[in-house]
Amino acid sequence: MKRISILILAMLPFVFSCSKPSEQATEAGEKEEVAIVPGNYGAAVEEVAVLSIAQMYDELKSSGEFEGKVIGQIKEVCTKKGCWMTLDLPSGETMRVTFKDYGFFVPLTSQGYPVIIEGVATKTVTDVATLKHYAEDAGKPKEEIDAITSPKEEYAFEAVGVIIKENA
């Protein structure tokens, strides 16, 4: 009996020190999920025939549409669900990337990671209500949201799949 008690006492530190690697304690002592960012989201994407953002942008400017794969870097991510992200274009503008049929999301912490996206890019006009919705999702201040009063011509990308690469 004494041996069993000693064995149980010896194992207690191991039992209580184990926790899931996808959790971390917050300042309040609560557990919070930590997303593992690199990986494939949505449809499987092969890393072949991938163009640069500049190549895609040139094709968009000339034909108004692009279909294929592009490599870039995530600039911003929807802070509510990861339901959209933005990439910088060579012109200094940003391109919003949404996910086909709202079928998948990216981790909220994926800002700054290199990414390969596959899908269709188009030149589009985004209405005021949608622009305000995007600004709210991005956590913009009320003053900035209220200042949106006219539609905006921009480039949009609807991705069927995304590969988020290791942050270099």
N, C-alpha and C. Protein backbone atom coordinates (compact mmCIF):
# COMPACT_ATOMS: atom_id res chain seq x y z
N MET A 1 0.82 -1.19 0.00
CA MET A 1 0.00 0.00 0.00
C MET A 1 0.86 1.26 0.00
N LYS A 2 1.94 1.20 0.78
CA LYS A 2 2.83 2.35 0.87
C LYS A 2 3.48 2.63 -0.49
N ARG A 3 3.82 1.57 -1.24
CA ARG A 3 4.43 1.73 -2.56
C ARG A 3 3.46 2.41 -3.54
N ILE A 4 2.21 2.05 -3.49
CA ILE A 4 1.22 2.65 -4.39
C ILE A 4 1.08 4.14 -4.08
N SER A 5 1.05 4.49 -2.81
CA SER A 5 0.94 5.90 -2.42
C SER A 5 2.15 6.69 -2.91
N ILE A 6 3.33 6.14 -2.77
CA ILE A 6 4.54 6.81 -3.23
C ILE A 6 4.51 6.96 -4.75
N LEU A 7 4.08 5.93 -5.45
CA LEU A 7 3.99 5.98 -6.90
C LEU A 7 3.00 7.06 -7.35
N ILE A 8 1.86 7.14 -6.72
CA ILE A 8 0.87 8.16 -7.05
C ILE A 8 1.42 9.56 -6.78
N LEU A 9 2.07 9.74 -5.64
CA LEU A 9 2.65 11.04 -5.31
C LEU A 9 3.76 11.42 -6.30
N ALA A 10 4.53 10.45 -6.75
CA ALA A 10 5.60 10.71 -7.70
C ALA A 10 5.04 11.12 -9.07
N MET A 11 3.85 10.64 -9.43
CA MET A 11 3.27 10.93 -10.73
C MET A 11 2.49 12.25 -10.76
N LEU A 12 2.10 12.77 -9.62
CA LEU A 12 1.28 13.98 -9.57
C LEU A 12 1.89 15.17 -10.32
N PRO A 13 3.17 15.46 -10.17
CA PRO A 13 3.73 16.61 -10.91
C PRO A 13 3.59 16.47 -12.43
N PHE A 14 3.69 15.24 -12.94
CA PHE A 14 3.58 15.02 -14.38
C PHE A 14 2.14 15.19 -14.84
N VAL A 15 1.19 14.73 -14.05
CA VAL A 15 -0.21 14.84 -14.40
C VAL A 15 -0.63 16.30 -14.47
N PHE A 16 -0.24 17.10 -13.49
CA PHE A 16 -0.67 18.49 -13.45
C PHE A 16 0.16 19.41 -14.32
N SER A 17 1.33 18.98 -14.76
CA SER A 17 2.14 19.85 -15.61
C SER A 17 1.78 19.69 -17.09
N CYS A 18 1.02 18.68 -17.43
CA CYS A 18 0.66 18.46 -18.83
C CYS A 18 -0.55 19.31 -19.20
N SER A 19 -0.45 19.98 -20.32
CA SER A 19 -1.60 20.69 -20.86
C SER A 19 -1.49 20.63 -22.37
N LYS A 20 -2.60 20.87 -23.04
CA LYS A 20 -2.59 20.82 -24.49
C LYS A 20 -1.65 21.90 -25.02
N PRO A 21 -0.86 21.62 -26.05
CA PRO A 21 0.04 22.63 -26.60
C PRO A 21 -0.70 23.77 -27.26
N SER A 22 -1.99 23.60 -27.56
CA SER A 22 -2.73 24.66 -28.22
C SER A 22 -3.41 25.59 -27.22
N GLU A 23 -3.05 25.52 -25.93
CA GLU A 23 -3.62 26.41 -24.94
C GLU A 23 -2.52 27.18 -24.25
N GLN A 24 -2.86 28.38 -23.78
CA GLN A 24 -1.92 29.12 -22.96
C GLN A 24 -2.73 29.92 -21.95
N ALA A 25 -2.13 30.22 -20.83
CA ALA A 25 -2.83 30.96 -19.79
C ALA A 25 -2.84 32.45 -20.12
N THR A 26 -3.97 33.09 -19.85
CA THR A 26 -4.06 34.54 -20.01
C THR A 26 -3.70 35.17 -18.68
N GLU A 27 -3.64 36.51 -18.64
CA GLU A 27 -3.31 37.20 -17.40
C GLU A 27 -4.31 36.88 -16.30
N ALA A 28 -5.56 36.64 -16.66
CA ALA A 28 -6.59 36.35 -15.67
C ALA A 28 -6.53 34.89 -15.21
N GLY A 29 -5.61 34.13 -15.76
CA GLY A 29 -5.45 32.73 -15.37
C GLY A 29 -6.36 31.79 -16.14
N GLU A 30 -7.10 32.29 -17.13
CA GLU A 30 -7.99 31.44 -17.92
C GLU A 30 -7.20 30.82 -19.05
N LYS A 31 -7.72 29.74 -19.61
CA LYS A 31 -7.08 29.11 -20.77
C LYS A 31 -7.65 29.73 -22.03
N GLU A 32 -6.79 29.92 -23.02
CA GLU A 32 -7.20 30.54 -24.28
C GLU A 32 -6.59 29.72 -25.41
N GLU A 33 -7.35 29.48 -26.48
CA GLU A 33 -6.84 28.72 -27.62
C GLU A 33 -5.79 29.54 -28.36
N VAL A 34 -4.71 28.90 -28.77
CA VAL A 34 -3.66 29.54 -29.55
C VAL A 34 -3.62 28.84 -30.90
N ALA A 35 -3.89 29.56 -31.95
CA ALA A 35 -3.93 28.97 -33.29
C ALA A 35 -2.52 28.70 -33.79
N ILE A 36 -2.37 27.58 -34.43
CA ILE A 36 -1.13 27.27 -35.13
C ILE A 36 -1.34 27.77 -36.54
N VAL A 37 -0.55 28.75 -36.94
CA VAL A 37 -0.83 29.48 -38.17
C VAL A 37 -0.42 28.73 -39.44
N PRO A 38 0.84 28.31 -39.62
CA PRO A 38 1.19 27.69 -40.90
C PRO A 38 0.33 26.47 -41.20
N GLY A 39 -0.05 26.34 -42.48
CA GLY A 39 -0.85 25.19 -42.89
C GLY A 39 -1.71 25.51 -44.09
N ASN A 40 -2.51 24.52 -44.51
CA ASN A 40 -3.39 24.66 -45.66
C ASN A 40 -4.81 24.89 -45.14
N TYR A 41 -5.48 25.87 -45.73
CA TYR A 41 -6.84 26.20 -45.35
C TYR A 41 -7.70 26.17 -46.61
N GLY A 42 -8.88 25.59 -46.52
CA GLY A 42 -9.75 25.45 -47.69
C GLY A 42 -9.27 24.30 -48.55
N ALA A 43 -9.46 24.43 -49.87
CA ALA A 43 -9.04 23.38 -50.80
C ALA A 43 -7.52 23.23 -50.79
N ALA A 44 -7.06 22.01 -51.05
CA ALA A 44 -5.62 21.76 -51.11
C ALA A 44 -5.01 22.56 -52.27
N VAL A 45 -3.93 23.25 -51.99
CA VAL A 45 -3.25 24.08 -52.99
C VAL A 45 -1.86 23.49 -53.23
N GLU A 46 -1.54 23.27 -54.51
CA GLU A 46 -0.20 22.79 -54.86
C GLU A 46 0.69 23.99 -55.13
N GLU A 47 1.93 23.90 -54.72
CA GLU A 47 2.87 25.01 -54.89
C GLU A 47 3.56 24.97 -56.25
N VAL A 48 2.77 24.92 -57.32
CA VAL A 48 3.30 24.95 -58.69
C VAL A 48 2.57 26.04 -59.46
N ALA A 49 3.23 26.61 -60.45
CA ALA A 49 2.67 27.66 -61.29
C ALA A 49 2.15 28.84 -60.46
N VAL A 50 2.95 29.22 -59.47
CA VAL A 50 2.59 30.34 -58.59
C VAL A 50 3.22 31.62 -59.13
N LEU A 51 2.41 32.66 -59.27
CA LEU A 51 2.90 33.95 -59.77
C LEU A 51 3.12 34.92 -58.61
N SER A 52 3.89 35.94 -58.87
CA SER A 52 4.09 37.00 -57.89
C SER A 52 2.87 37.92 -57.89
N ILE A 53 2.76 38.71 -56.85
CA ILE A 53 1.68 39.71 -56.78
C ILE A 53 1.79 40.67 -57.97
N ALA A 54 3.02 41.06 -58.32
CA ALA A 54 3.22 42.00 -59.43
C ALA A 54 2.72 41.41 -60.75
N GLN A 55 2.99 40.12 -61.00
CA GLN A 55 2.53 39.47 -62.23
C GLN A 55 1.00 39.43 -62.27
N MET A 56 0.38 39.07 -61.14
CA MET A 56 -1.07 39.03 -61.06
C MET A 56 -1.66 40.42 -61.29
N TYR A 57 -1.06 41.43 -60.68
CA TYR A 57 -1.54 42.80 -60.78
C TYR A 57 -1.49 43.29 -62.23
N ASP A 58 -0.41 42.99 -62.93
CA ASP A 58 -0.30 43.38 -64.34
C ASP A 58 -1.41 42.75 -65.17
N GLU A 59 -1.70 41.47 -64.92
CA GLU A 59 -2.77 40.79 -65.66
C GLU A 59 -4.14 41.39 -65.29
N LEU A 60 -4.33 41.70 -64.04
CA LEU A 60 -5.59 42.32 -63.60
C LEU A 60 -5.81 43.68 -64.27
N LYS A 61 -4.75 44.49 -64.34
CA LYS A 61 -4.87 45.80 -64.96
C LYS A 61 -5.22 45.69 -66.43
N SER A 62 -4.63 44.70 -67.11
CA SER A 62 -4.86 44.60 -68.55
C SER A 62 -6.17 43.90 -68.90
N SER A 63 -6.54 42.85 -68.16
CA SER A 63 -7.74 42.10 -68.55
C SER A 63 -8.92 42.25 -67.58
N GLY A 64 -8.67 42.78 -66.40
CA GLY A 64 -9.75 42.94 -65.42
C GLY A 64 -10.03 41.71 -64.59
N GLU A 65 -9.34 40.59 -64.91
CA GLU A 65 -9.55 39.36 -64.15
C GLU A 65 -8.29 38.51 -64.17
N PHE A 66 -8.10 37.73 -63.12
CA PHE A 66 -6.97 36.82 -63.01
C PHE A 66 -7.46 35.55 -62.34
N GLU A 67 -7.05 34.40 -62.86
CA GLU A 67 -7.35 33.13 -62.20
C GLU A 67 -6.05 32.35 -62.07
N GLY A 68 -5.74 31.93 -60.85
CA GLY A 68 -4.52 31.17 -60.63
C GLY A 68 -4.05 31.27 -59.20
N LYS A 69 -2.73 31.11 -59.04
CA LYS A 69 -2.10 31.12 -57.71
C LYS A 69 -1.14 32.29 -57.60
N VAL A 70 -1.11 32.87 -56.41
CA VAL A 70 -0.28 34.04 -56.16
C VAL A 70 0.41 33.88 -54.81
N ILE A 71 1.65 34.36 -54.75
CA ILE A 71 2.36 34.37 -53.48
C ILE A 71 2.48 35.82 -53.00
N GLY A 72 2.28 36.01 -51.71
CA GLY A 72 2.38 37.35 -51.13
C GLY A 72 2.58 37.26 -49.63
N GLN A 73 2.26 38.34 -48.95
CA GLN A 73 2.38 38.37 -47.50
C GLN A 73 1.10 38.96 -46.93
N ILE A 74 0.58 38.34 -45.88
CA ILE A 74 -0.67 38.79 -45.27
C ILE A 74 -0.41 40.11 -44.54
N LYS A 75 -1.16 41.14 -44.92
CA LYS A 75 -1.02 42.44 -44.28
C LYS A 75 -1.95 42.57 -43.09
N GLU A 76 -3.22 42.18 -43.27
CA GLU A 76 -4.23 42.36 -42.24
C GLU A 76 -5.19 41.19 -42.30
N VAL A 77 -5.78 40.84 -41.15
CA VAL A 77 -6.73 39.74 -41.06
C VAL A 77 -7.96 40.23 -40.30
N CYS A 78 -9.13 39.75 -40.69
CA CYS A 78 -10.36 40.05 -39.96
C CYS A 78 -10.15 39.67 -38.50
N THR A 79 -10.38 40.62 -37.60
CA THR A 79 -10.12 40.37 -36.17
C THR A 79 -11.24 39.63 -35.48
N LYS A 80 -12.35 39.40 -36.16
CA LYS A 80 -13.48 38.71 -35.53
C LYS A 80 -13.43 37.20 -35.76
N LYS A 81 -13.18 36.77 -37.02
CA LYS A 81 -13.21 35.35 -37.34
C LYS A 81 -12.08 34.87 -38.23
N GLY A 82 -11.35 35.79 -38.84
CA GLY A 82 -10.37 35.38 -39.85
C GLY A 82 -11.06 35.11 -41.17
N CYS A 83 -12.18 35.81 -41.42
CA CYS A 83 -12.99 35.55 -42.62
C CYS A 83 -12.51 36.32 -43.85
N TRP A 84 -11.50 37.15 -43.73
CA TRP A 84 -10.86 37.81 -44.86
C TRP A 84 -9.45 38.21 -44.45
N MET A 85 -8.65 38.55 -45.44
CA MET A 85 -7.31 39.07 -45.19
C MET A 85 -6.98 40.03 -46.32
N THR A 86 -5.93 40.82 -46.16
CA THR A 86 -5.50 41.72 -47.23
C THR A 86 -4.04 41.45 -47.58
N LEU A 87 -3.71 41.74 -48.82
CA LEU A 87 -2.34 41.66 -49.32
C LEU A 87 -2.02 43.00 -49.98
N ASP A 88 -0.77 43.43 -49.89
CA ASP A 88 -0.35 44.66 -50.55
C ASP A 88 -0.14 44.42 -52.03
N LEU A 89 -0.56 45.40 -52.84
CA LEU A 89 -0.34 45.37 -54.28
C LEU A 89 0.84 46.29 -54.60
N PRO A 90 1.49 46.12 -55.75
CA PRO A 90 2.62 46.97 -56.13
C PRO A 90 2.26 48.45 -56.22
N SER A 91 0.99 48.76 -56.43
CA SER A 91 0.54 50.15 -56.57
C SER A 91 0.45 50.87 -55.22
N GLY A 92 0.61 50.13 -54.12
CA GLY A 92 0.45 50.72 -52.80
C GLY A 92 -0.94 50.47 -52.23
N GLU A 93 -1.87 50.01 -53.07
CA GLU A 93 -3.21 49.65 -52.61
C GLU A 93 -3.16 48.29 -51.93
N THR A 94 -4.26 47.93 -51.29
CA THR A 94 -4.36 46.58 -50.75
C THR A 94 -5.45 45.84 -51.50
N MET A 95 -5.33 44.53 -51.53
CA MET A 95 -6.33 43.67 -52.16
C MET A 95 -6.95 42.81 -51.06
N ARG A 96 -8.27 42.85 -50.98
CA ARG A 96 -8.97 42.03 -50.00
C ARG A 96 -9.14 40.61 -50.55
N VAL A 97 -8.82 39.63 -49.71
CA VAL A 97 -8.97 38.23 -50.07
C VAL A 97 -10.09 37.66 -49.20
N THR A 98 -11.14 37.17 -49.85
CA THR A 98 -12.22 36.49 -49.14
C THR A 98 -12.16 35.01 -49.51
N PHE A 99 -12.95 34.21 -48.83
CA PHE A 99 -12.85 32.76 -49.00
C PHE A 99 -14.16 32.22 -49.57
N LYS A 100 -14.03 31.45 -50.64
CA LYS A 100 -15.17 30.96 -51.42
C LYS A 100 -16.26 30.38 -50.52
N ASP A 101 -17.46 30.86 -50.74
CA ASP A 101 -18.65 30.41 -50.02
C ASP A 101 -18.50 30.51 -48.51
N TYR A 102 -17.61 31.41 -48.04
CA TYR A 102 -17.41 31.58 -46.59
C TYR A 102 -17.08 30.22 -45.97
N GLY A 103 -16.39 29.38 -46.78
CA GLY A 103 -16.18 27.98 -46.43
C GLY A 103 -15.03 27.69 -45.48
N PHE A 104 -14.16 28.64 -45.25
CA PHE A 104 -13.04 28.44 -44.33
C PHE A 104 -12.55 29.79 -43.87
N PHE A 105 -11.76 29.78 -42.83
CA PHE A 105 -11.19 31.00 -42.26
C PHE A 105 -9.70 30.78 -42.05
N VAL A 106 -8.97 31.86 -41.83
CA VAL A 106 -7.55 31.77 -41.47
C VAL A 106 -7.40 32.21 -40.02
N PRO A 107 -6.33 31.79 -39.36
CA PRO A 107 -6.13 32.19 -37.96
C PRO A 107 -6.04 33.71 -37.82
N LEU A 108 -6.59 34.21 -36.74
CA LEU A 108 -6.58 35.64 -36.47
C LEU A 108 -5.16 36.18 -36.31
N THR A 109 -4.22 35.29 -36.00
CA THR A 109 -2.84 35.69 -35.74
C THR A 109 -1.93 35.49 -36.96
N SER A 110 -2.50 35.43 -38.16
CA SER A 110 -1.68 35.13 -39.34
C SER A 110 -1.12 36.37 -40.05
N GLN A 111 -1.34 37.54 -39.51
CA GLN A 111 -0.80 38.76 -40.09
C GLN A 111 0.73 38.67 -40.18
N GLY A 112 1.27 39.06 -41.33
CA GLY A 112 2.71 39.07 -41.53
C GLY A 112 3.27 37.78 -42.10
N TYR A 113 2.48 36.73 -42.19
CA TYR A 113 2.97 35.46 -42.71
C TYR A 113 2.96 35.45 -44.24
N PRO A 114 3.92 34.76 -44.85
CA PRO A 114 3.88 34.56 -46.31
C PRO A 114 2.72 33.61 -46.64
N VAL A 115 2.11 33.83 -47.80
CA VAL A 115 0.91 33.06 -48.14
C VAL A 115 0.87 32.78 -49.64
N ILE A 116 0.33 31.64 -50.00
CA ILE A 116 0.01 31.32 -51.39
C ILE A 116 -1.50 31.16 -51.44
N ILE A 117 -2.14 31.90 -52.34
CA ILE A 117 -3.58 31.83 -52.47
C ILE A 117 -3.94 31.36 -53.88
N GLU A 118 -5.01 30.60 -53.98
CA GLU A 118 -5.49 30.14 -55.28
C GLU A 118 -6.94 30.54 -55.44
N GLY A 119 -7.26 31.10 -56.60
CA GLY A 119 -8.63 31.51 -56.85
C GLY A 119 -8.73 32.50 -57.98
N VAL A 120 -9.68 33.43 -57.85
CA VAL A 120 -9.97 34.40 -58.90
C VAL A 120 -9.91 35.81 -58.33
N ALA A 121 -9.19 36.68 -59.04
CA ALA A 121 -9.10 38.09 -58.67
C ALA A 121 -9.84 38.91 -59.72
N THR A 122 -10.53 39.95 -59.25
CA THR A 122 -11.26 40.83 -60.15
C THR A 122 -11.14 42.27 -59.68
N LYS A 123 -11.36 43.17 -60.62
CA LYS A 123 -11.46 44.58 -60.29
C LYS A 123 -12.94 44.81 -60.00
N THR A 124 -13.24 45.42 -58.87
CA THR A 124 -14.63 45.53 -58.43
C THR A 124 -14.90 46.88 -57.76
N VAL A 125 -16.16 47.20 -57.57
CA VAL A 125 -16.56 48.37 -56.81
C VAL A 125 -17.24 47.88 -55.54
N THR A 126 -16.71 48.30 -54.39
CA THR A 126 -17.26 47.88 -53.10
C THR A 126 -18.15 49.00 -52.56
N ASP A 127 -19.40 48.63 -52.19
CA ASP A 127 -20.35 49.62 -51.72
C ASP A 127 -20.01 50.10 -50.31
N VAL A 128 -20.62 51.22 -49.90
CA VAL A 128 -20.35 51.86 -48.62
C VAL A 128 -20.63 50.92 -47.44
N ALA A 129 -21.76 50.22 -47.47
CA ALA A 129 -22.13 49.33 -46.35
C ALA A 129 -21.08 48.24 -46.15
N THR A 130 -20.60 47.67 -47.24
CA THR A 130 -19.59 46.62 -47.14
C THR A 130 -18.26 47.19 -46.65
N LEU A 131 -17.89 48.37 -47.13
CA LEU A 131 -16.65 49.02 -46.67
C LEU A 131 -16.71 49.28 -45.16
N LYS A 132 -17.86 49.73 -44.68
CA LYS A 132 -18.03 49.98 -43.25
C LYS A 132 -17.95 48.68 -42.46
N HIS A 133 -18.56 47.62 -43.01
CA HIS A 133 -18.51 46.31 -42.36
C HIS A 133 -17.06 45.82 -42.24
N TYR A 134 -16.29 45.96 -43.31
CA TYR A 134 -14.89 45.55 -43.28
C TYR A 134 -14.10 46.36 -42.25
N ALA A 135 -14.38 47.67 -42.17
CA ALA A 135 -13.69 48.52 -41.21
C ALA A 135 -14.02 48.10 -39.78
N GLU A 136 -15.28 47.74 -39.52
CA GLU A 136 -15.66 47.25 -38.19
C GLU A 136 -14.93 45.95 -37.87
N ASP A 137 -14.88 45.02 -38.86
CA ASP A 137 -14.19 43.75 -38.66
C ASP A 137 -12.71 43.95 -38.37
N ALA A 138 -12.14 45.01 -38.92
CA ALA A 138 -10.71 45.29 -38.73
C ALA A 138 -10.45 46.03 -37.42
N GLY A 139 -11.54 46.37 -36.69
CA GLY A 139 -11.38 47.05 -35.40
C GLY A 139 -11.05 48.53 -35.54
N LYS A 140 -11.43 49.13 -36.66
CA LYS A 140 -11.17 50.56 -36.88
C LYS A 140 -12.02 51.40 -35.93
N PRO A 141 -11.55 52.62 -35.58
CA PRO A 141 -12.32 53.50 -34.70
C PRO A 141 -13.60 54.00 -35.40
N LYS A 142 -14.60 54.34 -34.60
CA LYS A 142 -15.90 54.79 -35.11
C LYS A 142 -15.75 55.98 -36.05
N GLU A 143 -14.86 56.91 -35.73
CA GLU A 143 -14.67 58.09 -36.58
C GLU A 143 -14.23 57.70 -37.98
N GLU A 144 -13.34 56.72 -38.07
CA GLU A 144 -12.86 56.26 -39.37
C GLU A 144 -13.97 55.55 -40.14
N ILE A 145 -14.78 54.77 -39.43
CA ILE A 145 -15.90 54.06 -40.07
C ILE A 145 -16.92 55.08 -40.58
N ASP A 146 -17.25 56.09 -39.77
CA ASP A 146 -18.22 57.11 -40.16
C ASP A 146 -17.73 57.94 -41.34
N ALA A 147 -16.44 58.04 -41.53
CA ALA A 147 -15.88 58.83 -42.63
C ALA A 147 -16.03 58.14 -43.99
N ILE A 148 -16.43 56.88 -44.00
CA ILE A 148 -16.63 56.15 -45.27
C ILE A 148 -17.99 56.57 -45.83
N THR A 149 -17.96 57.30 -46.95
CA THR A 149 -19.21 57.83 -47.51
C THR A 149 -19.40 57.55 -48.99
N SER A 150 -18.41 56.94 -49.63
CA SER A 150 -18.57 56.65 -51.05
C SER A 150 -18.00 55.28 -51.38
N PRO A 151 -18.54 54.64 -52.43
CA PRO A 151 -18.02 53.33 -52.85
C PRO A 151 -16.56 53.45 -53.27
N LYS A 152 -15.88 52.33 -53.30
CA LYS A 152 -14.46 52.34 -53.64
C LYS A 152 -14.18 51.30 -54.72
N GLU A 153 -13.45 51.72 -55.75
CA GLU A 153 -12.99 50.77 -56.77
C GLU A 153 -11.74 50.10 -56.24
N GLU A 154 -11.74 48.78 -56.24
CA GLU A 154 -10.60 48.05 -55.69
C GLU A 154 -10.48 46.67 -56.33
N TYR A 155 -9.43 45.98 -55.94
CA TYR A 155 -9.20 44.63 -56.42
C TYR A 155 -9.58 43.66 -55.31
N ALA A 156 -10.26 42.60 -55.71
CA ALA A 156 -10.70 41.59 -54.74
C ALA A 156 -10.25 40.21 -55.24
N PHE A 157 -10.00 39.33 -54.32
CA PHE A 157 -9.56 37.97 -54.65
C PHE A 157 -10.45 37.01 -53.87
N GLU A 158 -11.09 36.07 -54.56
CA GLU A 158 -11.87 35.04 -53.89
C GLU A 158 -11.05 33.75 -53.95
N ALA A 159 -10.57 33.33 -52.79
CA ALA A 159 -9.68 32.17 -52.72
C ALA A 159 -10.48 30.89 -52.47
N VAL A 160 -10.07 29.82 -53.15
CA VAL A 160 -10.64 28.50 -52.87
C VAL A 160 -9.75 27.76 -51.88
N GLY A 161 -8.50 28.16 -51.81
CA GLY A 161 -7.54 27.53 -50.89
C GLY A 161 -6.38 28.46 -50.60
N VAL A 162 -5.79 28.25 -49.44
CA VAL A 162 -4.71 29.11 -48.96
C VAL A 162 -3.65 28.24 -48.29
N ILE A 163 -2.39 28.53 -48.57
CA ILE A 163 -1.29 27.93 -47.81
C ILE A 163 -0.60 29.06 -47.07
N ILE A 164 -0.60 28.98 -45.75
CA ILE A 164 0.16 29.95 -44.97
C ILE A 164 1.48 29.28 -44.64
N LYS A 165 2.56 29.94 -45.07
CA LYS A 165 3.90 29.38 -44.91
C LYS A 165 4.49 29.77 -43.56
N GLU A 166 5.58 29.12 -43.19
CA GLU A 166 6.30 29.49 -41.96
C GLU A 166 6.76 30.93 -42.08
N ASN A 167 6.66 31.68 -41.02
CA ASN A 167 7.10 33.07 -41.01
C ASN A 167 8.62 33.11 -41.04
N ALA A 168 9.17 33.75 -42.05
CA ALA A 168 10.63 33.75 -42.21
C ALA A 168 11.31 34.73 -41.29
